[in-house]
Amino acid sequence: MVLLTVQDPILLSGVALMYLTFPLGWVIWQAWDLLPIELTNPIVLILLLMGAGWFQAWAVSRLVRQLARRNG
């Protein structure tokens, strides 16, 4: 509930991206918590989560095409 009342929209969008990019988003989020605070930048986290989402979408589309070719 705290995330819905936070004033920083980057934090809220980062959490939403983590859920949308599961499972890679969760791995990135967990690894991000291990970094020292001076190395963390919310913009970089959002970009990493977006990249994970794009990669997963690409991988799923390749898998679906592969299966369609095999069955067709």
Protein backbone atom coordinates (compact mmCIF):
# COMPACT_ATOMS: atom_id res chain seq x y z
CA MET A 1 0.00 0.00 0.00
CA VAL A 2 2.93 2.34 0.63
CA LEU A 3 3.92 2.14 -3.05
CA LEU A 4 0.57 3.61 -4.10
CA THR A 5 1.11 6.73 -1.99
CA VAL A 6 4.77 7.35 -2.86
CA GLN A 7 5.55 10.70 -4.47
CA ASP A 8 8.29 9.32 -6.76
CA PRO A 9 6.65 7.97 -9.97
CA ILE A 10 9.88 6.23 -11.01
CA LEU A 11 9.63 3.87 -8.05
CA LEU A 12 6.04 2.94 -8.85
CA SER A 13 6.76 2.39 -12.54
CA GLY A 14 9.79 0.30 -11.63
CA VAL A 15 7.65 -2.00 -9.50
CA ALA A 16 5.08 -2.30 -12.29
CA LEU A 17 7.81 -3.12 -14.80
CA MET A 18 9.24 -5.75 -12.47
CA TYR A 19 5.88 -7.55 -12.41
CA LEU A 20 5.36 -7.19 -16.14
CA THR A 21 8.81 -8.55 -16.95
CA PHE A 22 8.68 -11.58 -14.64
CA PRO A 23 10.87 -13.74 -14.35
CA LEU A 24 13.84 -11.65 -15.55
CA GLY A 25 12.46 -8.54 -13.87
CA TRP A 26 12.48 -10.28 -10.52
CA VAL A 27 16.11 -11.37 -11.00
CA ILE A 28 17.14 -7.81 -11.92
CA TRP A 29 15.25 -6.42 -8.94
CA GLN A 30 16.94 -8.84 -6.54
CA ALA A 31 20.40 -8.18 -7.98
CA TRP A 32 19.72 -4.42 -7.82
CA ASP A 33 19.19 -4.65 -4.05
CA LEU A 34 22.68 -6.12 -3.66
CA LEU A 35 24.41 -3.08 -5.21
CA PRO A 36 25.80 -0.31 -3.01
CA ILE A 37 23.48 2.68 -2.81
CA GLU A 38 25.91 5.00 -4.61
CA LEU A 39 25.83 2.77 -7.71
CA THR A 40 22.06 2.67 -8.02
CA ASN A 41 20.15 4.96 -10.35
CA PRO A 42 16.39 4.55 -10.82
CA ILE A 43 16.58 5.42 -14.51
CA VAL A 44 19.07 2.61 -15.12
CA LEU A 45 16.78 0.19 -13.27
CA ILE A 46 13.84 1.17 -15.48
CA LEU A 47 15.98 0.75 -18.62
CA LEU A 48 17.16 -2.69 -17.46
CA LEU A 49 13.59 -3.80 -16.77
CA MET A 50 12.43 -2.50 -20.16
CA GLY A 51 15.29 -4.36 -21.85
CA ALA A 52 14.34 -7.54 -20.01
CA GLY A 53 10.76 -7.16 -21.17
CA TRP A 54 11.80 -6.63 -24.78
CA PHE A 55 14.14 -9.63 -24.62
CA GLN A 56 11.42 -11.86 -23.18
CA ALA A 57 8.93 -10.73 -25.82
CA TRP A 58 11.48 -11.48 -28.55
CA ALA A 59 12.28 -14.90 -27.06
CA VAL A 60 8.60 -15.86 -26.77
CA SER A 61 7.89 -14.77 -30.35
CA ARG A 62 10.84 -16.86 -31.59
CA LEU A 63 9.59 -19.86 -29.62
CA VAL A 64 6.05 -19.49 -30.98
CA ARG A 65 7.35 -19.20 -34.55
CA GLN A 66 9.54 -22.26 -34.05
CA LEU A 67 6.61 -24.28 -32.76
CA ALA A 68 4.34 -23.08 -35.57
CA ARG A 69 6.92 -24.10 -38.18
CA ARG A 70 7.35 -27.51 -36.60
CA ASN A 71 3.61 -28.18 -36.45
CA GLY A 72 2.73 -26.56 -39.78
